[in-house]
Each structure stands twice: as C-alpha cells, then as structure tokens.
Amino acid sequence: MERTIDFLKYRYIAIGASLLFIIVLGIGTFMKGGFNYGIDFVGGHKIIAKFQDSQDVPVNEGVIRRALSDFGAKVQQIGDESKKTYIIITKLEEAASDNVQNDDKVPVSKIELLKKALNEKFPGVSIESEETVGPSIGDYLRKAAWKLSLMAIVLMSVYLAFRFEIKFAVGGMVALIHDIVMSIVFCGFMGIEIDIQVLAALLTLYGYSINDTIVIFDRIRETNQLESKITFTEIINKAITQTMTRTILTSLTTLFAILALFFFGGETLHDFSLVLIVGIIIGTYSSIFIASPVVYGWEKLVAKK
C-alpha cells in the first residue's frame, strides 16, 4: 500500500516560518539602507582595459580587483585569457559623485583617479573604451525593470485564471508572490547587487516556481476525479506525495547545474547563481507548503458558505 505523507499537517509551521523569514530579512534590509542597485540602475562608469603581465605578478581578475578595492570596482575578463582584456565597472555614487583635488588643487573626478591608479599599478595598461551611464538613465532603467516584473506577475495571473479553477489560481499566485518577496528580501539582506543579471535570475524563478506548482495542481485534479471517496485533505497529501520524487529530481538536477556556475563561474556569475540556488529551494518549498495549503483553505472556506 502506498504511504501518504501528511504535508498539510505542517502548513501553519511553514507559513509562520515564511513570515518570520520575510520580516527578519526585510528589517535587516531596511537597517542596511535598502537595496544595493548595480550600475544599470544607479548609473556608473565602464572601462575596457587591456593589461600586460608584470614580471612579479601575473594579471588576473583577483589582482585587478584588489588593486582597485578603494573604488568598489567589479572586474570581468572578456575574450581569450591570453589577451588580458577586462571590463572594469564602478558605480556612479562611488566613482564620480564628487570631486577631489590633485596636487595642483585642480578638481579631479574619481573616475580619473581610477584610470590614474590603473596606470600606476599596471604599467603598460591601455584603455580600449570608456562609457558612462548617467543617474537619470539608471533611474529610468530601474523603474522599467520593476514595471516589467510587475507585468510578468500580471500575465502569470491571467494564465492561471484561464488554466485552473479559481482556488488553484489563487494558490498559485500566493505561492508566486511568496517566492518573489522572499527572493527579493534575501537579495537585500545579503547585499546582493541588483542588476540586469540578478533581475534575469528573478524572472527565471517566476517561471520555474509556477511550473513546479502546476505539476502538483494537475495531480490534485486527477486524484480528485479518480478518488471521490477520500477527503480533500487526503487528495492533496496524496498528490504531493506522488509528485515528490519528480519534484526532488527536477530540483536537484537544476541545482547541480547552477552549483557548477556558483563554484566555477567566477565572481561575475556569483550573485546570479546564488539567487537562482536560493530561489529554486524557495520555489520547491512553496509549491508544497504554501500553494497547496492555500488551495485547501480556499476549499474549506467555500464549503462553509
């Protein structure tokens, strides 16, 4: 006889844990001064520079990053490693928000100091290109990004409304919003820089999370049609139990690929892969302990009327 796990028994513990997670990390984000936006959303400078290995120390991302630590620079290698070409990015608020003076008392922007530091610490370096994203453009891109995220949620809601009964649509949307909020406060609390890459990771998680939820909902509907003699509580628990193997295997195989990015993808992909790892864990958890309990609660509420 197939053993059914009573997942619904732990629904209040799960909901309480989620609320505690969101409140604690939300307060932590607020106390740290809010979200850490990247150059795409606050403005900044990007330099493409070509280096030459010195006799003492070979040039790589870590060496450049440490040499420019005072400027809060992000460094990423581009092209073949032998070409020694790197992108160096600094935020506007860190790189050029105010002016300092040189020895002749002439105002010099910090981006000029950055280039001066490059020339001093890496003889033979050449600046291939330089570009700036202004604060107004960054503000526009930040607002556009949040609007696109909101649009994705609205379109997902429309899809769920047509795809399922109202109770399943509500359960799916509550779980999706739960995942979004938890992922965002995690980014804020950990100080993860929210840029285009991280936004792409969050949008990816929207689809991943709802897909896992839909699999469970489909099994609940099938079980409800085939097992008319058992209670709705037993139907949900049985559906989750039957899809558990699929859920675990899918999540694990996805996590293995992302863990490879996290450990071997370099500094540039670190935040992107970390958000995906945490988001997949949250999405898997919410499909079982948030979405399904909401469906159960909606069914009980309707039955009382």
Protein backbone atom coordinates (compact mmCIF):
# COMPACT_ATOMS: atom_id res chain seq x y z
CA MET A 1 0.00 0.00 0.00
CA GLU A 2 1.34 3.44 -0.94
CA ARG A 3 2.30 5.56 2.06
CA THR A 4 0.93 9.12 2.01
CA ILE A 5 2.74 11.88 3.89
CA ASP A 6 0.55 14.38 5.74
CA PHE A 7 2.09 17.60 4.39
CA LEU A 8 -0.90 19.73 5.32
CA LYS A 9 -0.28 18.99 8.98
CA TYR A 10 2.75 21.29 8.82
CA ARG A 11 1.11 24.14 6.94
CA TYR A 12 0.91 26.55 9.88
CA ILE A 13 4.55 25.92 10.80
CA ALA A 14 5.57 26.54 7.19
CA ILE A 15 3.52 29.74 6.89
CA GLY A 16 4.90 31.01 10.19
CA ALA A 17 8.47 30.24 9.09
CA SER A 18 7.93 32.11 5.82
CA LEU A 19 6.52 35.17 7.58
CA LEU A 20 9.41 35.16 10.06
CA PHE A 21 11.91 34.88 7.20
CA ILE A 22 10.36 37.80 5.33
CA ILE A 23 10.04 40.02 8.42
CA VAL A 24 13.57 39.40 9.72
CA LEU A 25 15.26 39.80 6.34
CA GLY A 26 13.04 42.77 5.46
CA ILE A 27 14.02 44.57 8.67
CA GLY A 28 17.66 43.65 8.04
CA THR A 29 17.46 45.12 4.52
CA PHE A 30 15.93 48.33 5.87
CA MET A 31 18.60 48.66 8.57
CA LYS A 32 21.32 48.23 5.95
CA GLY A 33 19.94 51.15 3.97
CA GLY A 34 17.79 49.37 1.41
CA PHE A 35 18.64 47.50 -1.76
CA ASN A 36 22.05 47.57 -3.40
CA TYR A 37 21.43 48.52 -7.03
CA GLY A 38 24.07 47.96 -9.72
CA ILE A 39 25.42 50.32 -12.36
CA ASP A 40 22.46 49.52 -14.64
CA PHE A 41 20.05 51.10 -12.16
CA VAL A 42 22.03 53.88 -10.44
CA GLY A 43 24.49 54.92 -13.13
CA GLY A 44 28.24 54.49 -13.28
CA HIS A 45 31.32 54.03 -15.43
CA LYS A 46 32.55 51.10 -17.50
CA ILE A 47 36.11 50.83 -18.74
CA ILE A 48 37.53 48.16 -21.03
CA ALA A 49 41.26 47.90 -20.40
CA LYS A 50 44.00 45.72 -21.85
CA PHE A 51 46.76 44.67 -19.47
CA GLN A 52 50.25 43.24 -19.67
CA ASP A 53 51.64 40.70 -17.21
CA SER A 54 54.29 42.14 -14.94
CA GLN A 55 57.43 40.23 -14.13
CA ASP A 56 56.43 39.78 -10.49
CA VAL A 57 52.67 39.22 -10.54
CA PRO A 58 50.50 37.87 -13.40
CA VAL A 59 47.40 39.93 -14.12
CA ASN A 60 44.01 38.35 -13.39
CA GLU A 61 40.57 39.38 -12.07
CA GLY A 62 41.56 38.96 -8.43
CA VAL A 63 44.74 41.02 -8.76
CA ILE A 64 42.93 43.89 -10.52
CA ARG A 65 40.03 43.80 -8.06
CA ARG A 66 42.36 44.03 -5.06
CA ALA A 67 44.36 46.84 -6.64
CA LEU A 68 41.16 48.87 -7.20
CA SER A 69 39.43 47.96 -3.94
CA ASP A 70 39.19 51.63 -2.91
CA PHE A 71 36.93 52.28 -5.91
CA GLY A 72 34.50 49.39 -5.32
CA ALA A 73 35.24 48.11 -8.82
CA LYS A 74 33.75 45.00 -10.41
CA VAL A 75 36.12 43.22 -12.78
CA GLN A 76 35.28 40.73 -15.52
CA GLN A 77 37.55 39.13 -18.08
CA ILE A 78 36.38 39.21 -21.69
CA GLY A 79 37.70 37.31 -24.68
CA ASP A 80 40.61 34.89 -24.59
CA GLU A 81 42.59 34.78 -21.36
CA SER A 82 45.86 35.39 -23.19
CA LYS A 83 44.59 38.78 -24.44
CA LYS A 84 44.36 40.12 -20.87
CA THR A 85 41.32 42.30 -21.59
CA TYR A 86 38.97 43.15 -18.70
CA ILE A 87 35.82 45.16 -18.08
CA ILE A 88 36.05 47.39 -15.01
CA ILE A 89 32.78 48.79 -13.65
CA THR A 90 32.30 51.33 -10.86
CA LYS A 91 29.05 52.80 -9.61
CA LEU A 92 28.41 56.47 -10.19
CA GLU A 93 27.78 57.06 -6.50
CA GLU A 94 31.16 55.51 -5.71
CA ALA A 95 33.15 56.61 -8.73
CA ALA A 96 32.11 60.10 -9.76
CA SER A 97 29.62 61.56 -7.35
CA ASP A 98 32.04 64.15 -6.04
CA ASN A 99 35.33 65.70 -6.97
CA VAL A 100 38.68 65.67 -5.23
CA GLN A 101 41.73 67.83 -5.88
CA ASN A 102 45.10 66.84 -7.22
CA ASP A 103 48.43 68.20 -6.03
CA ASP A 104 47.86 71.39 -8.05
CA LYS A 105 44.49 71.97 -6.33
CA VAL A 106 42.65 71.26 -9.58
CA PRO A 107 39.38 69.28 -9.20
CA VAL A 108 39.68 65.70 -10.49
CA SER A 109 36.81 63.23 -10.74
CA LYS A 110 37.23 59.83 -9.12
CA ILE A 111 36.98 58.10 -12.48
CA GLU A 112 40.14 59.98 -13.47
CA LEU A 113 41.74 58.79 -10.25
CA LEU A 114 40.70 55.25 -11.16
CA LYS A 115 42.45 55.49 -14.52
CA LYS A 116 45.47 57.04 -12.81
CA ALA A 117 45.58 54.13 -10.35
CA LEU A 118 45.41 51.68 -13.23
CA ASN A 119 48.38 53.31 -14.94
CA GLU A 120 50.39 53.41 -11.71
CA LYS A 121 49.71 49.85 -10.59
CA PHE A 122 49.70 48.21 -14.02
CA PRO A 123 52.38 49.74 -16.27
CA GLY A 124 51.57 49.32 -19.94
CA VAL A 125 47.79 49.15 -19.44
CA SER A 126 45.74 50.67 -22.27
CA ILE A 127 42.15 51.94 -22.06
CA GLU A 128 40.31 50.39 -25.02
CA SER A 129 36.97 52.12 -24.40
CA GLU A 130 35.06 54.05 -21.78
CA GLU A 131 31.35 54.72 -21.28
CA THR A 132 29.09 56.23 -18.64
CA VAL A 133 25.51 55.54 -17.58
CA GLY A 134 24.02 58.74 -16.12
CA PRO A 135 21.84 58.79 -12.98
CA SER A 136 18.70 59.71 -14.94
CA ILE A 137 19.15 56.75 -17.30
CA GLY A 138 19.81 54.46 -14.33
CA ASP A 139 16.65 55.68 -12.62
CA TYR A 140 14.64 55.10 -15.81
CA LEU A 141 16.02 51.57 -16.19
CA ARG A 142 15.28 50.76 -12.54
CA LYS A 143 11.65 51.84 -12.87
CA ALA A 144 11.31 49.97 -16.16
CA ALA A 145 12.71 46.81 -14.58
CA TRP A 146 10.16 46.87 -11.74
CA LYS A 147 7.36 47.56 -14.23
CA LEU A 148 8.41 44.56 -16.33
CA SER A 149 8.50 42.38 -13.23
CA LEU A 150 5.01 43.51 -12.29
CA MET A 151 3.82 42.86 -15.84
CA ALA A 152 5.23 39.32 -15.64
CA ILE A 153 3.23 38.70 -12.47
CA VAL A 154 0.04 40.08 -14.05
CA LEU A 155 0.44 37.92 -17.16
CA MET A 156 1.11 34.88 -14.97
CA SER A 157 -2.11 35.65 -13.08
CA VAL A 158 -4.08 35.82 -16.34
CA TYR A 159 -2.62 32.48 -17.43
CA LEU A 160 -3.53 30.81 -14.12
CA ALA A 161 -7.06 32.24 -14.22
CA PHE A 162 -7.68 30.59 -17.59
CA ARG A 163 -5.72 27.41 -16.83
CA PHE A 164 -7.29 26.46 -13.48
CA GLU A 165 -10.27 26.87 -11.21
CA ILE A 166 -10.20 29.95 -9.01
CA LYS A 167 -8.88 28.08 -5.96
CA PHE A 168 -5.84 26.81 -7.89
CA ALA A 169 -5.24 30.19 -9.50
CA VAL A 170 -5.25 31.88 -6.08
CA GLY A 171 -2.96 29.22 -4.62
CA GLY A 172 -0.50 29.59 -7.48
CA MET A 173 -0.41 33.38 -7.25
CA VAL A 174 0.04 33.40 -3.47
CA ALA A 175 2.96 30.99 -3.84
CA LEU A 176 4.46 33.08 -6.66
CA ILE A 177 4.23 36.32 -4.68
CA HIS A 178 5.67 34.47 -1.67
CA ASP A 179 8.68 33.38 -3.76
CA ILE A 180 9.19 36.86 -5.21
CA VAL A 181 9.11 38.59 -1.82
CA MET A 182 11.41 36.02 -0.18
CA SER A 183 13.92 36.19 -3.03
CA ILE A 184 13.96 40.00 -3.05
CA VAL A 185 14.40 40.39 0.72
CA PHE A 186 17.16 37.75 0.57
CA CYS A 187 18.96 39.87 -2.03
CA GLY A 188 18.52 42.97 0.11
CA PHE A 189 19.67 41.30 3.33
CA MET A 190 22.74 39.70 1.73
CA GLY A 191 23.66 42.95 -0.02
CA ILE A 192 23.48 41.29 -3.44
CA GLU A 193 23.83 43.89 -6.15
CA ILE A 194 20.57 44.05 -8.09
CA ASP A 195 21.49 44.46 -11.74
CA ILE A 196 20.27 43.08 -15.07
CA GLN A 197 21.73 39.63 -14.32
CA VAL A 198 20.00 39.32 -10.95
CA LEU A 199 16.75 40.60 -12.44
CA ALA A 200 17.02 37.90 -15.11
CA ALA A 201 17.51 35.32 -12.35
CA LEU A 202 14.38 36.55 -10.54
CA LEU A 203 12.28 36.42 -13.72
CA THR A 204 13.57 32.89 -14.38
CA LEU A 205 12.46 31.87 -10.91
CA TYR A 206 8.93 33.14 -11.57
CA GLY A 207 8.52 30.60 -14.35
CA TYR A 208 10.33 27.80 -12.53
CA SER A 209 8.28 28.18 -9.37
CA ILE A 210 4.89 28.28 -11.09
CA ASN A 211 5.81 25.29 -13.27
CA ASP A 212 6.50 23.13 -10.21
CA THR A 213 3.25 24.29 -8.62
CA ILE A 214 1.24 23.46 -11.75
CA VAL A 215 2.55 19.86 -11.73
CA ILE A 216 1.19 19.38 -8.20
CA PHE A 217 -2.11 21.07 -9.07
CA ASP A 218 -2.61 18.81 -12.09
CA ARG A 219 -2.08 15.75 -9.89
CA ILE A 220 -4.55 17.11 -7.31
CA ARG A 221 -7.20 17.48 -10.04
CA GLU A 222 -6.52 14.00 -11.39
CA THR A 223 -6.66 12.44 -7.93
CA ASN A 224 -9.85 14.34 -7.14
CA GLN A 225 -11.52 12.83 -10.23
CA LEU A 226 -10.31 9.28 -9.55
CA GLU A 227 -10.59 9.17 -5.74
CA SER A 228 -14.04 10.54 -5.00
CA LYS A 229 -14.37 8.58 -1.73
CA ILE A 230 -11.49 10.24 0.14
CA THR A 231 -11.38 13.69 1.71
CA PHE A 232 -9.87 16.74 0.00
CA THR A 233 -7.11 16.75 2.63
CA GLU A 234 -6.15 13.21 1.68
CA ILE A 235 -6.33 14.10 -2.01
CA ILE A 236 -3.83 16.95 -1.60
CA ASN A 237 -1.46 14.90 0.56
CA LYS A 238 -1.61 12.01 -1.88
CA ALA A 239 -0.99 14.28 -4.89
CA ILE A 240 2.04 15.90 -3.25
CA THR A 241 3.42 12.53 -2.19
CA GLN A 242 3.06 11.11 -5.70
CA THR A 243 4.85 14.08 -7.29
CA MET A 244 7.56 14.31 -4.61
CA THR A 245 10.06 12.15 -6.49
CA ARG A 246 9.63 14.22 -9.64
CA THR A 247 9.94 17.46 -7.66
CA ILE A 248 13.13 16.38 -5.88
CA LEU A 249 14.80 15.02 -9.01
CA THR A 250 13.95 18.11 -11.07
CA SER A 251 15.16 20.49 -8.37
CA LEU A 252 18.36 18.54 -7.74
CA THR A 253 19.36 18.29 -11.39
CA THR A 254 18.75 22.03 -11.80
CA LEU A 255 20.70 22.78 -8.62
CA PHE A 256 23.68 20.70 -9.74
CA ALA A 257 24.00 22.78 -12.91
CA ILE A 258 23.67 26.07 -11.00
CA LEU A 259 26.12 24.93 -8.30
CA ALA A 260 28.68 24.44 -11.07
CA LEU A 261 28.11 28.09 -12.06
CA PHE A 262 28.36 29.18 -8.43
CA PHE A 263 31.69 27.46 -7.74
CA PHE A 264 33.37 27.66 -11.15
CA GLY A 265 31.67 30.58 -12.92
CA GLY A 266 33.81 33.25 -11.33
CA GLU A 267 32.96 36.40 -9.40
CA THR A 268 30.77 37.78 -12.18
CA LEU A 269 28.25 34.92 -12.02
CA HIS A 270 28.38 34.51 -8.23
CA ASP A 271 25.34 36.64 -7.35
CA PHE A 272 23.34 35.40 -10.35
CA SER A 273 23.84 31.74 -9.42
CA LEU A 274 23.30 32.37 -5.69
CA VAL A 275 19.90 33.97 -6.35
CA LEU A 276 18.93 31.00 -8.55
CA ILE A 277 20.01 28.47 -5.92
CA VAL A 278 18.04 30.14 -3.13
CA GLY A 279 15.07 30.79 -5.42
CA ILE A 280 14.80 27.16 -6.54
CA ILE A 281 14.83 25.98 -2.93
CA ILE A 282 12.16 28.54 -2.02
CA GLY A 283 10.07 27.67 -5.09
CA THR A 284 10.15 23.95 -4.35
CA TYR A 285 9.21 24.58 -0.73
CA SER A 286 6.35 26.95 -1.61
CA SER A 287 4.78 24.54 -4.10
CA ILE A 288 4.34 22.04 -1.28
CA PHE A 289 3.84 24.12 1.85
CA ILE A 290 2.29 27.37 0.54
CA ALA A 291 0.38 26.79 -2.71
CA SER A 292 -1.33 23.55 -1.68
CA PRO A 293 -2.41 24.80 1.79
CA VAL A 294 -3.93 27.91 0.13
CA VAL A 295 -5.97 25.65 -2.16
CA TYR A 296 -7.04 23.62 0.85
CA GLY A 297 -8.00 26.76 2.80
CA TRP A 298 -9.98 28.13 -0.15
CA GLU A 299 -11.86 24.84 -0.49
CA LYS A 300 -12.75 24.85 3.21
CA LEU A 301 -13.87 28.48 3.00
CA VAL A 302 -16.16 27.75 0.05
CA ALA A 303 -17.55 24.62 1.74
CA LYS A 304 -18.64 26.66 4.78
CA LYS A 305 -20.74 29.04 2.66
